[in-house]
């Protein structure tokens, strides 16, 4: 099966065949600017964020790769992730200084808040392989303090119980959950504060607890898509699927 990349930049939204490089514009209504978030399970629709007006927050929409009108799933939402079985979407709501974690069916129905109190800041929700748990970065905003110190937490979808998986002040706003590893980003300490490492730690799929210590999996120089300084992530930072001005998602 061919791998297809969906991405957007200042000129529009596009689909690209990774093997051949062949690129086609995504057909969208005039004035509808979309940033791809992820592919939906049927392989012919993409979950995107779009802002309806200058005074409105980003919402979540379903867009067909073969044309047609976008379908609104949530009037507000961003940093979404579809569950492994394709039945649910977890996403973020809220302003820069207070956010919430929400869950809805893939068709937009039965939307409900699953976490978030005044001052909570969330980033990068991701699903476990069995769809029973959600990992995310969480920090608490404190007035007159610069940034927040994030920690990785894991939420049980059935009970909504949360537990701290790992606490480190230098987390960047990106996560990934493979079958048995949780992947995260750490900024280096001075004098290498402009470098960041991708780290990986084994995770017990049943208990959600780390198995051993994390190890560096990849190193890059410069901030790239991560906006973080002195171990405290900025709420205005780019999310993990953005590269410069491009937002991308891939299916294979």
C-alpha atoms as a PDB file:
ATOM      1  CA  UNK A   1       0.000   0.000   0.000  1.00  0.00           C
ATOM      2  CA  UNK A   2       1.282   3.423  -0.917  1.00  0.00           C
ATOM      3  CA  UNK A   3       2.120   5.908   1.802  1.00  0.00           C
ATOM      4  CA  UNK A   4       0.407   9.270   1.461  1.00  0.00           C
ATOM      5  CA  UNK A   5       1.396  12.491   3.146  1.00  0.00           C
ATOM      6  CA  UNK A   6      -1.201  15.179   3.868  1.00  0.00           C
ATOM      7  CA  UNK A   7       0.260  18.606   4.575  1.00  0.00           C
ATOM      8  CA  UNK A   8      -0.503  22.293   4.459  1.00  0.00           C
ATOM      9  CA  UNK A   9       1.548  25.448   4.059  1.00  0.00           C
ATOM     10  CA  UNK A  10       0.904  29.083   3.228  1.00  0.00           C
ATOM     11  CA  UNK A  11      -0.259  28.156  -0.291  1.00  0.00           C
ATOM     12  CA  UNK A  12      -2.860  25.532   0.624  1.00  0.00           C
ATOM     13  CA  UNK A  13      -3.350  21.858   1.558  1.00  0.00           C
ATOM     14  CA  UNK A  14      -1.909  18.945  -0.411  1.00  0.00           C
ATOM     15  CA  UNK A  15      -1.617  15.158  -0.732  1.00  0.00           C
ATOM     16  CA  UNK A  16       1.734  13.651  -1.710  1.00  0.00           C
ATOM     17  CA  UNK A  17       2.637  10.086  -2.624  1.00  0.00           C
ATOM     18  CA  UNK A  18       5.816   9.491  -0.659  1.00  0.00           C
ATOM     19  CA  UNK A  19       7.255   6.864  -3.038  1.00  0.00           C
ATOM     20  CA  UNK A  20       6.844   8.945  -6.205  1.00  0.00           C
ATOM     21  CA  UNK A  21       6.682  12.507  -4.867  1.00  0.00           C
ATOM     22  CA  UNK A  22       3.521  13.106  -6.901  1.00  0.00           C
ATOM     23  CA  UNK A  23       1.577  15.951  -5.253  1.00  0.00           C
ATOM     24  CA  UNK A  24      -2.019  17.088  -5.689  1.00  0.00           C
ATOM     25  CA  UNK A  25      -3.924  19.932  -4.025  1.00  0.00           C
ATOM     26  CA  UNK A  26      -6.646  18.941  -1.570  1.00  0.00           C
ATOM     27  CA  UNK A  27      -9.979  20.188  -2.905  1.00  0.00           C
ATOM     28  CA  UNK A  28     -11.515  22.525  -0.325  1.00  0.00           C
ATOM     29  CA  UNK A  29     -14.198  25.238  -0.411  1.00  0.00           C
ATOM     30  CA  UNK A  30     -12.965  28.770  -1.084  1.00  0.00           C
ATOM     31  CA  UNK A  31     -11.674  30.401   2.084  1.00  0.00           C
ATOM     32  CA  UNK A  32     -11.487  27.131   4.061  1.00  0.00           C
ATOM     33  CA  UNK A  33      -7.935  26.825   5.400  1.00  0.00           C
ATOM     34  CA  UNK A  34      -7.152  23.422   6.838  1.00  0.00           C
ATOM     35  CA  UNK A  35      -4.228  22.019   8.818  1.00  0.00           C
ATOM     36  CA  UNK A  36      -4.148  18.196   8.700  1.00  0.00           C
ATOM     37  CA  UNK A  37      -4.050  16.455  12.072  1.00  0.00           C
ATOM     38  CA  UNK A  38      -4.363  12.766  11.210  1.00  0.00           C
ATOM     39  CA  UNK A  39      -5.973  10.304   8.812  1.00  0.00           C
ATOM     40  CA  UNK A  40      -9.331   8.807   9.729  1.00  0.00           C
ATOM     41  CA  UNK A  41      -9.672   4.994   9.721  1.00  0.00           C
ATOM     42  CA  UNK A  42     -11.367   4.719   6.307  1.00  0.00           C
ATOM     43  CA  UNK A  43      -8.255   6.113   4.596  1.00  0.00           C
ATOM     44  CA  UNK A  44     -10.265   8.539   2.477  1.00  0.00           C
ATOM     45  CA  UNK A  45     -10.925  11.239   5.072  1.00  0.00           C
ATOM     46  CA  UNK A  46      -8.572  13.483   7.035  1.00  0.00           C
ATOM     47  CA  UNK A  47      -9.112  15.103  10.410  1.00  0.00           C
ATOM     48  CA  UNK A  48      -8.128  18.773  10.154  1.00  0.00           C
ATOM     49  CA  UNK A  49      -8.225  21.917  12.250  1.00  0.00           C
ATOM     50  CA  UNK A  50      -9.678  25.090  10.778  1.00  0.00           C
ATOM     51  CA  UNK A  51     -10.605  28.519  12.132  1.00  0.00           C
ATOM     52  CA  UNK A  52     -14.007  29.749  10.943  1.00  0.00           C
ATOM     53  CA  UNK A  53     -13.339  33.419  11.731  1.00  0.00           C
ATOM     54  CA  UNK A  54     -10.689  35.769  13.144  1.00  0.00           C
ATOM     55  CA  UNK A  55     -12.352  35.889  16.574  1.00  0.00           C
ATOM     56  CA  UNK A  56     -12.940  32.124  16.831  1.00  0.00           C
ATOM     57  CA  UNK A  57     -10.809  29.241  18.054  1.00  0.00           C
ATOM     58  CA  UNK A  58      -9.759  26.336  15.883  1.00  0.00           C
ATOM     59  CA  UNK A  59     -12.317  23.571  15.364  1.00  0.00           C
ATOM     60  CA  UNK A  60     -12.054  19.964  14.175  1.00  0.00           C
ATOM     61  CA  UNK A  61     -13.400  18.996  10.767  1.00  0.00           C
ATOM     62  CA  UNK A  62     -13.611  15.888   8.602  1.00  0.00           C
ATOM     63  CA  UNK A  63     -12.368  16.446   5.047  1.00  0.00           C
ATOM     64  CA  UNK A  64     -12.702  14.034   2.119  1.00  0.00           C
ATOM     65  CA  UNK A  65      -9.668  13.449  -0.089  1.00  0.00           C
ATOM     66  CA  UNK A  66     -11.931  13.235  -3.147  1.00  0.00           C
ATOM     67  CA  UNK A  67     -13.774  16.520  -2.625  1.00  0.00           C
ATOM     68  CA  UNK A  68     -17.044  17.602  -1.055  1.00  0.00           C
ATOM     69  CA  UNK A  69     -17.954  19.863   1.833  1.00  0.00           C
ATOM     70  CA  UNK A  70     -15.984  19.580   5.083  1.00  0.00           C
ATOM     71  CA  UNK A  71     -17.995  18.222   8.021  1.00  0.00           C
ATOM     72  CA  UNK A  72     -17.631  19.909  11.405  1.00  0.00           C
ATOM     73  CA  UNK A  73     -16.988  17.474  14.258  1.00  0.00           C
ATOM     74  CA  UNK A  74     -16.320  19.992  17.034  1.00  0.00           C
ATOM     75  CA  UNK A  75     -16.614  23.767  17.081  1.00  0.00           C
ATOM     76  CA  UNK A  76     -13.457  23.901  19.180  1.00  0.00           C
ATOM     77  CA  UNK A  77     -10.558  21.470  19.231  1.00  0.00           C
ATOM     78  CA  UNK A  78      -6.910  20.874  18.360  1.00  0.00           C
ATOM     79  CA  UNK A  79      -4.052  18.384  18.886  1.00  0.00           C
ATOM     80  CA  UNK A  80      -6.422  15.486  18.233  1.00  0.00           C
ATOM     81  CA  UNK A  81      -5.649  11.762  18.030  1.00  0.00           C
ATOM     82  CA  UNK A  82      -7.874   8.940  16.771  1.00  0.00           C
ATOM     83  CA  UNK A  83      -8.101   5.750  18.856  1.00  0.00           C
ATOM     84  CA  UNK A  84      -6.507   2.589  17.405  1.00  0.00           C
ATOM     85  CA  UNK A  85      -9.931   1.059  16.630  1.00  0.00           C
ATOM     86  CA  UNK A  86     -11.007   4.290  14.909  1.00  0.00           C
ATOM     87  CA  UNK A  87     -14.050   4.825  17.127  1.00  0.00           C
ATOM     88  CA  UNK A  88     -12.992   7.805  19.278  1.00  0.00           C
ATOM     89  CA  UNK A  89     -11.050  11.055  19.079  1.00  0.00           C
ATOM     90  CA  UNK A  90      -9.228  12.674  21.988  1.00  0.00           C
ATOM     91  CA  UNK A  91      -8.504  16.382  21.633  1.00  0.00           C
ATOM     92  CA  UNK A  92      -7.758  19.618  23.466  1.00  0.00           C
ATOM     93  CA  UNK A  93      -9.972  22.602  24.196  1.00  0.00           C
ATOM     94  CA  UNK A  94      -9.254  25.874  25.936  1.00  0.00           C
ATOM     95  CA  UNK A  95      -7.199  29.042  25.921  1.00  0.00           C
ATOM     96  CA  UNK A  96      -3.479  29.601  26.385  1.00  0.00           C
ATOM     97  CA  UNK A  97      -3.685  29.669  30.192  1.00  0.00           C
ATOM     98  CA  UNK A  98      -6.312  26.999  30.882  1.00  0.00           C
ATOM     99  CA  UNK A  99      -7.112  23.892  28.850  1.00  0.00           C
ATOM    100  CA  UNK A 100      -9.148  20.699  28.958  1.00  0.00           C
ATOM    101  CA  UNK A 101      -8.895  17.190  27.522  1.00  0.00           C
ATOM    102  CA  UNK A 102     -12.008  15.992  25.659  1.00  0.00           C
ATOM    103  CA  UNK A 103     -13.216  12.752  24.098  1.00  0.00           C
ATOM    104  CA  UNK A 104     -15.812  12.241  21.359  1.00  0.00           C
ATOM    105  CA  UNK A 105     -16.929   9.603  18.912  1.00  0.00           C
ATOM    106  CA  UNK A 106     -15.267   9.715  15.504  1.00  0.00           C
ATOM    107  CA  UNK A 107     -18.493  11.169  14.046  1.00  0.00           C
ATOM    108  CA  UNK A 108     -18.431  14.049  16.540  1.00  0.00           C
ATOM    109  CA  UNK A 109     -21.199  12.747  18.809  1.00  0.00           C
ATOM    110  CA  UNK A 110     -21.050  12.169  22.582  1.00  0.00           C
ATOM    111  CA  UNK A 111     -18.404  14.809  23.230  1.00  0.00           C
ATOM    112  CA  UNK A 112     -17.364  15.009  26.897  1.00  0.00           C
ATOM    113  CA  UNK A 113     -14.605  16.431  29.057  1.00  0.00           C
ATOM    114  CA  UNK A 114     -12.330  13.805  30.592  1.00  0.00           C
ATOM    115  CA  UNK A 115      -9.713  15.979  32.328  1.00  0.00           C
ATOM    116  CA  UNK A 116      -8.864  19.586  33.061  1.00  0.00           C
ATOM    117  CA  UNK A 117      -9.218  22.119  35.840  1.00  0.00           C
ATOM    118  CA  UNK A 118      -8.567  25.862  35.948  1.00  0.00           C
ATOM    119  CA  UNK A 119      -4.933  26.504  35.015  1.00  0.00           C
ATOM    120  CA  UNK A 120      -4.238  23.060  33.537  1.00  0.00           C
ATOM    121  CA  UNK A 121      -2.211  23.021  30.311  1.00  0.00           C
ATOM    122  CA  UNK A 122      -2.187  19.937  28.074  1.00  0.00           C
ATOM    123  CA  UNK A 123      -0.166  18.903  25.044  1.00  0.00           C
ATOM    124  CA  UNK A 124       0.168  15.967  22.638  1.00  0.00           C
ATOM    125  CA  UNK A 125      -2.439  13.363  23.709  1.00  0.00           C
ATOM    126  CA  UNK A 126      -1.666   9.879  22.345  1.00  0.00           C
ATOM    127  CA  UNK A 127      -3.391   6.497  22.634  1.00  0.00           C
ATOM    128  CA  UNK A 128      -2.036   3.198  23.877  1.00  0.00           C
ATOM    129  CA  UNK A 129      -2.071   0.371  21.336  1.00  0.00           C
ATOM    130  CA  UNK A 130      -5.109  -1.265  22.965  1.00  0.00           C
ATOM    131  CA  UNK A 131      -7.048   2.001  23.141  1.00  0.00           C
ATOM    132  CA  UNK A 132      -7.596   1.716  26.894  1.00  0.00           C
ATOM    133  CA  UNK A 133      -5.224   4.496  27.981  1.00  0.00           C
ATOM    134  CA  UNK A 134      -4.242   7.991  26.867  1.00  0.00           C
ATOM    135  CA  UNK A 135      -0.881   9.605  27.608  1.00  0.00           C
ATOM    136  CA  UNK A 136      -0.370  13.370  27.514  1.00  0.00           C
ATOM    137  CA  UNK A 137       1.791  16.190  28.793  1.00  0.00           C
ATOM    138  CA  UNK A 138       0.276  18.267  31.578  1.00  0.00           C
ATOM    139  CA  UNK A 139       1.457  21.332  33.460  1.00  0.00           C
ATOM    140  CA  UNK A 140      -0.196  23.964  35.617  1.00  0.00           C
ATOM    141  CA  UNK A 141      -0.160  27.651  34.770  1.00  0.00           C
ATOM    142  CA  UNK A 142       0.834  29.944  37.640  1.00  0.00           C
ATOM    143  CA  UNK A 143       0.219  33.672  37.332  1.00  0.00           C
ATOM    144  CA  UNK A 144       3.362  35.791  36.977  1.00  0.00           C
ATOM    145  CA  UNK A 145       5.571  32.727  36.430  1.00  0.00           C
ATOM    146  CA  UNK A 146       7.300  32.021  33.101  1.00  0.00           C
ATOM    147  CA  UNK A 147       5.909  28.906  31.452  1.00  0.00           C
ATOM    148  CA  UNK A 148       5.146  25.632  33.198  1.00  0.00           C
ATOM    149  CA  UNK A 149       7.027  22.512  34.227  1.00  0.00           C
ATOM    150  CA  UNK A 150       5.317  19.621  32.417  1.00  0.00           C
ATOM    151  CA  UNK A 151       4.958  15.983  33.362  1.00  0.00           C
ATOM    152  CA  UNK A 152       3.725  12.941  31.442  1.00  0.00           C
ATOM    153  CA  UNK A 153       0.457  11.542  32.775  1.00  0.00           C
ATOM    154  CA  UNK A 154      -1.586   8.512  31.758  1.00  0.00           C
ATOM    155  CA  UNK A 155      -5.377   8.388  31.911  1.00  0.00           C
ATOM    156  CA  UNK A 156      -7.475   5.225  32.034  1.00  0.00           C
ATOM    157  CA  UNK A 157     -10.306   5.793  29.535  1.00  0.00           C
ATOM    158  CA  UNK A 158     -12.858   3.650  31.392  1.00  0.00           C
ATOM    159  CA  UNK A 159     -12.351   4.992  34.925  1.00  0.00           C
ATOM    160  CA  UNK A 160     -10.813   8.414  34.057  1.00  0.00           C
ATOM    161  CA  UNK A 161      -8.220   7.764  36.752  1.00  0.00           C
ATOM    162  CA  UNK A 162      -4.885   9.517  36.118  1.00  0.00           C
ATOM    163  CA  UNK A 163      -1.371   8.786  37.252  1.00  0.00           C
ATOM    164  CA  UNK A 164       1.970  10.482  36.751  1.00  0.00           C
ATOM    165  CA  UNK A 165       4.204   8.480  34.435  1.00  0.00           C
ATOM    166  CA  UNK A 166       7.271  10.722  34.525  1.00  0.00           C
ATOM    167  CA  UNK A 167       8.206  14.212  35.742  1.00  0.00           C
ATOM    168  CA  UNK A 168      11.011  16.206  34.150  1.00  0.00           C
ATOM    169  CA  UNK A 169      11.305  19.945  33.724  1.00  0.00           C
ATOM    170  CA  UNK A 170      12.831  19.709  30.250  1.00  0.00           C
ATOM    171  CA  UNK A 171      10.011  17.932  28.379  1.00  0.00           C
ATOM    172  CA  UNK A 172       9.223  19.213  24.917  1.00  0.00           C
ATOM    173  CA  UNK A 173       5.598  19.211  23.686  1.00  0.00           C
ATOM    174  CA  UNK A 174       5.650  15.953  21.718  1.00  0.00           C
ATOM    175  CA  UNK A 175       4.728  12.337  22.523  1.00  0.00           C
ATOM    176  CA  UNK A 176       4.312   9.034  20.697  1.00  0.00           C
ATOM    177  CA  UNK A 177       3.158   5.650  22.038  1.00  0.00           C
ATOM    178  CA  UNK A 178       4.245   2.507  20.216  1.00  0.00           C
ATOM    179  CA  UNK A 179       3.227  -0.993  21.290  1.00  0.00           C
ATOM    180  CA  UNK A 180       5.637  -1.082  24.209  1.00  0.00           C
ATOM    181  CA  UNK A 181       7.492   2.246  24.243  1.00  0.00           C
ATOM    182  CA  UNK A 182       6.617   5.822  25.084  1.00  0.00           C
ATOM    183  CA  UNK A 183       8.643   8.323  23.053  1.00  0.00           C
ATOM    184  CA  UNK A 184       9.219  11.870  24.302  1.00  0.00           C
ATOM    185  CA  UNK A 185      11.469  14.903  23.771  1.00  0.00           C
ATOM    186  CA  UNK A 186      13.982  16.447  26.171  1.00  0.00           C
ATOM    187  CA  UNK A 187      15.942  19.669  25.764  1.00  0.00           C
ATOM    188  CA  UNK A 188      19.620  19.592  26.633  1.00  0.00           C
ATOM    189  CA  UNK A 189      21.064  21.610  29.479  1.00  0.00           C
ATOM    190  CA  UNK A 190      23.450  24.570  28.928  1.00  0.00           C
ATOM    191  CA  UNK A 191      25.757  24.943  27.105  1.00  0.00           C
ATOM    192  CA  UNK A 192      23.829  22.680  24.680  1.00  0.00           C
ATOM    193  CA  UNK A 193      20.418  24.241  25.286  1.00  0.00           C
ATOM    194  CA  UNK A 194      19.796  24.535  21.533  1.00  0.00           C
ATOM    195  CA  UNK A 195      19.908  20.743  21.151  1.00  0.00           C
ATOM    196  CA  UNK A 196      17.064  18.330  21.830  1.00  0.00           C
ATOM    197  CA  UNK A 197      16.943  14.550  22.168  1.00  0.00           C
ATOM    198  CA  UNK A 198      14.182  12.103  21.338  1.00  0.00           C
ATOM    199  CA  UNK A 199      14.014   9.622  24.214  1.00  0.00           C
ATOM    200  CA  UNK A 200      12.276   6.275  24.521  1.00  0.00           C
ATOM    201  CA  UNK A 201      11.284   4.239  27.563  1.00  0.00           C
ATOM    202  CA  UNK A 202       9.645   0.825  27.744  1.00  0.00           C
ATOM    203  CA  UNK A 203       6.159   0.856  29.217  1.00  0.00           C
ATOM    204  CA  UNK A 204       4.067  -1.900  30.762  1.00  0.00           C
ATOM    205  CA  UNK A 205       0.973  -2.000  28.505  1.00  0.00           C
ATOM    206  CA  UNK A 206      -1.255  -3.220  31.340  1.00  0.00           C
ATOM    207  CA  UNK A 207      -0.187  -0.979  34.203  1.00  0.00           C
ATOM    208  CA  UNK A 208       1.096   2.019  32.232  1.00  0.00           C
ATOM    209  CA  UNK A 209       4.256   2.095  34.354  1.00  0.00           C
ATOM    210  CA  UNK A 210       7.799   2.600  32.990  1.00  0.00           C
ATOM    211  CA  UNK A 211       9.991  -0.487  32.709  1.00  0.00           C
ATOM    212  CA  UNK A 212      13.533   0.705  33.360  1.00  0.00           C
ATOM    213  CA  UNK A 213      15.040   4.040  32.403  1.00  0.00           C
ATOM    214  CA  UNK A 214      14.666   6.073  29.229  1.00  0.00           C
ATOM    215  CA  UNK A 215      17.411   6.218  26.607  1.00  0.00           C
ATOM    216  CA  UNK A 216      18.192   8.728  23.872  1.00  0.00           C
ATOM    217  CA  UNK A 217      16.888   7.533  20.509  1.00  0.00           C
ATOM    218  CA  UNK A 218      17.740  10.516  18.289  1.00  0.00           C
ATOM    219  CA  UNK A 219      19.565  13.841  18.595  1.00  0.00           C
ATOM    220  CA  UNK A 220      19.093  17.007  16.559  1.00  0.00           C
ATOM    221  CA  UNK A 221      20.527  20.492  16.800  1.00  0.00           C
ATOM    222  CA  UNK A 222      18.235  23.514  16.865  1.00  0.00           C
ATOM    223  CA  UNK A 223      14.654  23.830  17.998  1.00  0.00           C
ATOM    224  CA  UNK A 224      12.914  22.722  14.816  1.00  0.00           C
ATOM    225  CA  UNK A 225       9.229  22.121  15.600  1.00  0.00           C
ATOM    226  CA  UNK A 226       9.723  22.287  19.371  1.00  0.00           C
ATOM    227  CA  UNK A 227       9.318  25.645  21.107  1.00  0.00           C
ATOM    228  CA  UNK A 228      10.822  25.363  24.569  1.00  0.00           C
ATOM    229  CA  UNK A 229      13.284  27.359  26.668  1.00  0.00           C
ATOM    230  CA  UNK A 230      15.058  26.690  29.987  1.00  0.00           C
ATOM    231  CA  UNK A 231      13.077  23.529  30.599  1.00  0.00           C
ATOM    232  CA  UNK A 232       9.662  25.227  30.457  1.00  0.00           C
ATOM    233  CA  UNK A 233       7.556  24.763  27.341  1.00  0.00           C
ATOM    234  CA  UNK A 234       5.806  27.750  25.839  1.00  0.00           C
ATOM    235  CA  UNK A 235       2.063  27.406  25.319  1.00  0.00           C
ATOM    236  CA  UNK A 236       2.500  29.093  21.927  1.00  0.00           C
ATOM    237  CA  UNK A 237       4.938  26.419  20.729  1.00  0.00           C
ATOM    238  CA  UNK A 238       4.423  24.460  17.526  1.00  0.00           C
ATOM    239  CA  UNK A 239       2.814  21.075  17.886  1.00  0.00           C
ATOM    240  CA  UNK A 240       4.647  17.904  16.998  1.00  0.00           C
ATOM    241  CA  UNK A 241       3.170  17.535  13.482  1.00  0.00           C
ATOM    242  CA  UNK A 242       4.325  20.955  12.337  1.00  0.00           C
ATOM    243  CA  UNK A 243       7.532  21.611  10.451  1.00  0.00           C
ATOM    244  CA  UNK A 244       8.152  25.326  10.129  1.00  0.00           C
ATOM    245  CA  UNK A 245       4.908  26.592   8.533  1.00  0.00           C
ATOM    246  CA  UNK A 246       3.802  23.133   7.394  1.00  0.00           C
ATOM    247  CA  UNK A 247       1.415  20.813   9.171  1.00  0.00           C
ATOM    248  CA  UNK A 248       1.674  17.187   8.094  1.00  0.00           C
ATOM    249  CA  UNK A 249       0.167  13.752   8.666  1.00  0.00           C
ATOM    250  CA  UNK A 250       0.920  10.459   7.000  1.00  0.00           C
ATOM    251  CA  UNK A 251      -0.803   7.150   6.329  1.00  0.00           C
ATOM    252  CA  UNK A 252       0.587   3.958   4.871  1.00  0.00           C
END
